[in-house]
Amino acid sequence: MALISLRQLLDYAAAKKVVRDLFESFGCAGKAAVIRPLHLDKMAELYVKGSLRAQVH
């Protein structure tokens, strides 16, 4: 069993809070089942093509 440091736990908790806050601010909280992960290169390609557009609800 790997031991993790208090610093690692605090870093994880801080990162989790940042992600939670971003999901809530963009209206994505509670929608994890419908959010598809995209590789960063693929996302950049779609932005260049104009395929990805911000959808504000």
PDB file of N, CA and C in Angstrom:
ATOM      1  N   MET A   1       0.838  -1.171   0.000  1.00  0.00           N
ATOM      2  CA  MET A   1       0.000   0.000   0.000  1.00  0.00           C
ATOM      3  C   MET A   1       0.889   1.242   0.000  1.00  0.00           C
ATOM      4  N   ALA A   2       0.652   2.116  -0.930  1.00  0.00           N
ATOM      5  CA  ALA A   2       1.451   3.331  -1.037  1.00  0.00           C
ATOM      6  C   ALA A   2       0.941   4.378  -0.043  1.00  0.00           C
ATOM      7  N   LEU A   3       1.864   4.998   0.619  1.00  0.00           N
ATOM      8  CA  LEU A   3       1.503   6.072   1.537  1.00  0.00           C
ATOM      9  C   LEU A   3       1.581   7.396   0.792  1.00  0.00           C
ATOM     10  N   ILE A   4       0.604   8.235   1.027  1.00  0.00           N
ATOM     11  CA  ILE A   4       0.646   9.553   0.406  1.00  0.00           C
ATOM     12  C   ILE A   4       0.824  10.593   1.499  1.00  0.00           C
ATOM     13  N   SER A   5       1.500  11.649   1.144  1.00  0.00           N
ATOM     14  CA  SER A   5       1.806  12.684   2.124  1.00  0.00           C
ATOM     15  C   SER A   5       0.612  13.607   2.335  1.00  0.00           C
ATOM     16  N   LEU A   6       0.676  14.342   3.415  1.00  0.00           N
ATOM     17  CA  LEU A   6      -0.354  15.344   3.690  1.00  0.00           C
ATOM     18  C   LEU A   6      -0.385  16.368   2.566  1.00  0.00           C
ATOM     19  N   ARG A   7       0.783  16.721   2.053  1.00  0.00           N
ATOM     20  CA  ARG A   7       0.870  17.688   0.952  1.00  0.00           C
ATOM     21  C   ARG A   7       0.115  17.164  -0.276  1.00  0.00           C
ATOM     22  N   GLN A   8       0.276  15.882  -0.592  1.00  0.00           N
ATOM     23  CA  GLN A   8      -0.430  15.297  -1.733  1.00  0.00           C
ATOM     24  C   GLN A   8      -1.939  15.325  -1.509  1.00  0.00           C
ATOM     25  N   LEU A   9      -2.369  15.051  -0.286  1.00  0.00           N
ATOM     26  CA  LEU A   9      -3.802  15.109   0.021  1.00  0.00           C
ATOM     27  C   LEU A   9      -4.338  16.521  -0.133  1.00  0.00           C
ATOM     28  N   LEU A  10      -3.584  17.504   0.336  1.00  0.00           N
ATOM     29  CA  LEU A  10      -4.010  18.895   0.219  1.00  0.00           C
ATOM     30  C   LEU A  10      -4.037  19.336  -1.240  1.00  0.00           C
ATOM     31  N   ASP A  11      -3.029  18.918  -2.015  1.00  0.00           N
ATOM     32  CA  ASP A  11      -3.005  19.249  -3.438  1.00  0.00           C
ATOM     33  C   ASP A  11      -4.206  18.643  -4.148  1.00  0.00           C
ATOM     34  N   TYR A  12      -4.522  17.391  -3.828  1.00  0.00           N
ATOM     35  CA  TYR A  12      -5.664  16.717  -4.440  1.00  0.00           C
ATOM     36  C   TYR A  12      -6.959  17.428  -4.084  1.00  0.00           C
ATOM     37  N   ALA A  13      -7.104  17.791  -2.808  1.00  0.00           N
ATOM     38  CA  ALA A  13      -8.324  18.468  -2.362  1.00  0.00           C
ATOM     39  C   ALA A  13      -8.463  19.827  -3.050  1.00  0.00           C
ATOM     40  N   ALA A  14      -7.358  20.537  -3.206  1.00  0.00           N
ATOM     41  CA  ALA A  14      -7.395  21.846  -3.868  1.00  0.00           C
ATOM     42  C   ALA A  14      -7.762  21.689  -5.340  1.00  0.00           C
ATOM     43  N   ALA A  15      -7.178  20.710  -6.007  1.00  0.00           N
ATOM     44  CA  ALA A  15      -7.485  20.474  -7.425  1.00  0.00           C
ATOM     45  C   ALA A  15      -8.945  20.070  -7.596  1.00  0.00           C
ATOM     46  N   LYS A  16      -9.438  19.249  -6.705  1.00  0.00           N
ATOM     47  CA  LYS A  16     -10.832  18.818  -6.765  1.00  0.00           C
ATOM     48  C   LYS A  16     -11.773  20.013  -6.610  1.00  0.00           C
ATOM     49  N   LYS A  17     -11.436  20.934  -5.705  1.00  0.00           N
ATOM     50  CA  LYS A  17     -12.253  22.129  -5.508  1.00  0.00           C
ATOM     51  C   LYS A  17     -12.243  23.010  -6.748  1.00  0.00           C
ATOM     52  N   VAL A  18     -11.085  23.156  -7.377  1.00  0.00           N
ATOM     53  CA  VAL A  18     -10.986  23.965  -8.599  1.00  0.00           C
ATOM     54  C   VAL A  18     -11.878  23.375  -9.685  1.00  0.00           C
ATOM     55  N   VAL A  19     -11.794  22.073  -9.873  1.00  0.00           N
ATOM     56  CA  VAL A  19     -12.601  21.417 -10.906  1.00  0.00           C
ATOM     57  C   VAL A  19     -14.088  21.552 -10.585  1.00  0.00           C
ATOM     58  N   ARG A  20     -14.460  21.339  -9.329  1.00  0.00           N
ATOM     59  CA  ARG A  20     -15.869  21.463  -8.925  1.00  0.00           C
ATOM     60  C   ARG A  20     -16.373  22.886  -9.184  1.00  0.00           C
ATOM     61  N   ASP A  21     -15.571  23.874  -8.801  1.00  0.00           N
ATOM     62  CA  ASP A  21     -15.964  25.271  -9.004  1.00  0.00           C
ATOM     63  C   ASP A  21     -16.128  25.600 -10.485  1.00  0.00           C
ATOM     64  N   LEU A  22     -15.228  25.078 -11.327  1.00  0.00           N
ATOM     65  CA  LEU A  22     -15.334  25.321 -12.771  1.00  0.00           C
ATOM     66  C   LEU A  22     -16.589  24.670 -13.348  1.00  0.00           C
ATOM     67  N   PHE A  23     -16.853  23.434 -12.959  1.00  0.00           N
ATOM     68  CA  PHE A  23     -18.059  22.755 -13.453  1.00  0.00           C
ATOM     69  C   PHE A  23     -19.308  23.524 -13.051  1.00  0.00           C
ATOM     70  N   GLU A  24     -19.340  24.002 -11.816  1.00  0.00           N
ATOM     71  CA  GLU A  24     -20.514  24.758 -11.359  1.00  0.00           C
ATOM     72  C   GLU A  24     -20.636  26.089 -12.085  1.00  0.00           C
ATOM     73  N   SER A  25     -19.520  26.789 -12.293  1.00  0.00           N
ATOM     74  CA  SER A  25     -19.590  28.100 -12.934  1.00  0.00           C
ATOM     75  C   SER A  25     -19.979  28.006 -14.410  1.00  0.00           C
ATOM     76  N   PHE A  26     -19.660  26.891 -15.049  1.00  0.00           N
ATOM     77  CA  PHE A  26     -20.030  26.714 -16.454  1.00  0.00           C
ATOM     78  C   PHE A  26     -21.341  25.959 -16.636  1.00  0.00           C
ATOM     79  N   GLY A  27     -22.027  25.650 -15.527  1.00  0.00           N
ATOM     80  CA  GLY A  27     -23.316  24.977 -15.610  1.00  0.00           C
ATOM     81  C   GLY A  27     -23.213  23.506 -15.969  1.00  0.00           C
ATOM     82  N   CYS A  28     -22.075  22.901 -15.685  1.00  0.00           N
ATOM     83  CA  CYS A  28     -21.862  21.491 -16.041  1.00  0.00           C
ATOM     84  C   CYS A  28     -21.967  20.557 -14.843  1.00  0.00           C
ATOM     85  N   ALA A  29     -22.182  21.098 -13.660  1.00  0.00           N
ATOM     86  CA  ALA A  29     -22.250  20.266 -12.462  1.00  0.00           C
ATOM     87  C   ALA A  29     -23.396  19.264 -12.585  1.00  0.00           C
ATOM     88  N   GLY A  30     -23.127  18.018 -12.243  1.00  0.00           N
ATOM     89  CA  GLY A  30     -24.145  16.977 -12.293  1.00  0.00           C
ATOM     90  C   GLY A  30     -24.342  16.367 -13.665  1.00  0.00           C
ATOM     91  N   LYS A  31     -23.508  16.733 -14.628  1.00  0.00           N
ATOM     92  CA  LYS A  31     -23.670  16.225 -15.990  1.00  0.00           C
ATOM     93  C   LYS A  31     -22.488  15.377 -16.447  1.00  0.00           C
ATOM     94  N   ALA A  32     -21.767  14.787 -15.501  1.00  0.00           N
ATOM     95  CA  ALA A  32     -20.572  14.010 -15.835  1.00  0.00           C
ATOM     96  C   ALA A  32     -20.873  12.853 -16.786  1.00  0.00           C
ATOM     97  N   ALA A  33     -22.055  12.293 -16.706  1.00  0.00           N
ATOM     98  CA  ALA A  33     -22.401  11.148 -17.546  1.00  0.00           C
ATOM     99  C   ALA A  33     -22.478  11.507 -19.025  1.00  0.00           C
ATOM    100  N   VAL A  34     -22.694  12.781 -19.339  1.00  0.00           N
ATOM    101  CA  VAL A  34     -22.848  13.168 -20.747  1.00  0.00           C
ATOM    102  C   VAL A  34     -21.650  13.971 -21.277  1.00  0.00           C
ATOM    103  N   ILE A  35     -20.645  14.186 -20.439  1.00  0.00           N
ATOM    104  CA  ILE A  35     -19.457  14.921 -20.876  1.00  0.00           C
ATOM    105  C   ILE A  35     -18.430  13.925 -21.391  1.00  0.00           C
ATOM    106  N   ARG A  36     -18.063  14.092 -22.650  1.00  0.00           N
ATOM    107  CA  ARG A  36     -17.092  13.188 -23.269  1.00  0.00           C
ATOM    108  C   ARG A  36     -15.691  13.788 -23.180  1.00  0.00           C
ATOM    109  N   PRO A  37     -14.712  13.014 -22.734  1.00  0.00           N
ATOM    110  CA  PRO A  37     -13.344  13.529 -22.715  1.00  0.00           C
ATOM    111  C   PRO A  37     -12.786  13.600 -24.135  1.00  0.00           C
ATOM    112  N   LEU A  38     -12.017  14.635 -24.411  1.00  0.00           N
ATOM    113  CA  LEU A  38     -11.353  14.795 -25.704  1.00  0.00           C
ATOM    114  C   LEU A  38      -9.871  15.022 -25.466  1.00  0.00           C
ATOM    115  N   HIS A  39      -9.044  14.412 -26.288  1.00  0.00           N
ATOM    116  CA  HIS A  39      -7.616  14.660 -26.225  1.00  0.00           C
ATOM    117  C   HIS A  39      -7.383  16.118 -26.610  1.00  0.00           C
ATOM    118  N   LEU A  40      -6.424  16.760 -25.987  1.00  0.00           N
ATOM    119  CA  LEU A  40      -6.175  18.174 -26.215  1.00  0.00           C
ATOM    120  C   LEU A  40      -5.888  18.475 -27.684  1.00  0.00           C
ATOM    121  N   ASP A  41      -5.152  17.600 -28.359  1.00  0.00           N
ATOM    122  CA  ASP A  41      -4.862  17.806 -29.785  1.00  0.00           C
ATOM    123  C   ASP A  41      -6.144  17.794 -30.617  1.00  0.00           C
ATOM    124  N   LYS A  42      -7.049  16.882 -30.306  1.00  0.00           N
ATOM    125  CA  LYS A  42      -8.321  16.796 -31.021  1.00  0.00           C
ATOM    126  C   LYS A  42      -9.171  18.036 -30.756  1.00  0.00           C
ATOM    127  N   MET A  43      -9.187  18.507 -29.506  1.00  0.00           N
ATOM    128  CA  MET A  43      -9.953  19.696 -29.178  1.00  0.00           C
ATOM    129  C   MET A  43      -9.404  20.915 -29.926  1.00  0.00           C
ATOM    130  N   ALA A  44      -8.088  21.048 -29.980  1.00  0.00           N
ATOM    131  CA  ALA A  44      -7.468  22.162 -30.706  1.00  0.00           C
ATOM    132  C   ALA A  44      -7.838  22.103 -32.184  1.00  0.00           C
ATOM    133  N   GLU A  45      -7.831  20.909 -32.753  1.00  0.00           N
ATOM    134  CA  GLU A  45      -8.196  20.720 -34.164  1.00  0.00           C
ATOM    135  C   GLU A  45      -9.646  21.162 -34.412  1.00  0.00           C
ATOM    136  N   LEU A  46     -10.537  20.788 -33.516  1.00  0.00           N
ATOM    137  CA  LEU A  46     -11.947  21.156 -33.668  1.00  0.00           C
ATOM    138  C   LEU A  46     -12.153  22.662 -33.526  1.00  0.00           C
ATOM    139  N   TYR A  47     -11.398  23.298 -32.640  1.00  0.00           N
ATOM    140  CA  TYR A  47     -11.495  24.753 -32.510  1.00  0.00           C
ATOM    141  C   TYR A  47     -11.036  25.443 -33.781  1.00  0.00           C
ATOM    142  N   VAL A  48      -9.931  24.968 -34.362  1.00  0.00           N
ATOM    143  CA  VAL A  48      -9.413  25.564 -35.598  1.00  0.00           C
ATOM    144  C   VAL A  48     -10.438  25.428 -36.723  1.00  0.00           C
ATOM    145  N   LYS A  49     -11.103  24.291 -36.802  1.00  0.00           N
ATOM    146  CA  LYS A  49     -12.123  24.059 -37.830  1.00  0.00           C
ATOM    147  C   LYS A  49     -13.392  24.868 -37.576  1.00  0.00           C
ATOM    148  N   GLY A  50     -13.561  25.331 -36.350  1.00  0.00           N
ATOM    149  CA  GLY A  50     -14.784  26.057 -36.000  1.00  0.00           C
ATOM    150  C   GLY A  50     -15.909  25.126 -35.569  1.00  0.00           C
ATOM    151  N   SER A  51     -15.584  23.861 -35.338  1.00  0.00           N
ATOM    152  CA  SER A  51     -16.601  22.881 -34.938  1.00  0.00           C
ATOM    153  C   SER A  51     -17.047  23.044 -33.499  1.00  0.00           C
ATOM    154  N   LEU A  52     -16.163  23.567 -32.660  1.00  0.00           N
ATOM    155  CA  LEU A  52     -16.529  23.770 -31.256  1.00  0.00           C
ATOM    156  C   LEU A  52     -16.903  25.221 -31.057  1.00  0.00           C
ATOM    157  N   ARG A  53     -18.061  25.426 -30.560  1.00  0.00           N
ATOM    158  CA  ARG A  53     -18.526  26.774 -30.262  1.00  0.00           C
ATOM    159  C   ARG A  53     -19.084  26.801 -28.854  1.00  0.00           C
ATOM    160  N   ALA A  54     -18.881  27.889 -28.191  1.00  0.00           N
ATOM    161  CA  ALA A  54     -19.417  28.032 -26.833  1.00  0.00           C
ATOM    162  C   ALA A  54     -20.932  28.022 -26.889  1.00  0.00           C
ATOM    163  N   GLN A  55     -21.551  27.256 -26.030  1.00  0.00           N
ATOM    164  CA  GLN A  55     -23.002  27.225 -25.932  1.00  0.00           C
ATOM    165  C   GLN A  55     -23.391  27.800 -24.582  1.00  0.00           C
ATOM    166  N   VAL A  56     -23.975  28.967 -24.601  1.00  0.00           N
ATOM    167  CA  VAL A  56     -24.389  29.627 -23.369  1.00  0.00           C
ATOM    168  C   VAL A  56     -25.882  29.423 -23.210  1.00  0.00           C
ATOM    169  N   HIS A  57     -26.265  28.895 -22.085  1.00  0.00           N
ATOM    170  CA  HIS A  57     -27.682  28.607 -21.828  1.00  0.00           C
ATOM    171  C   HIS A  57     -28.252  29.610 -20.871  1.00  0.00           C
TER     172      HIS A  57
END
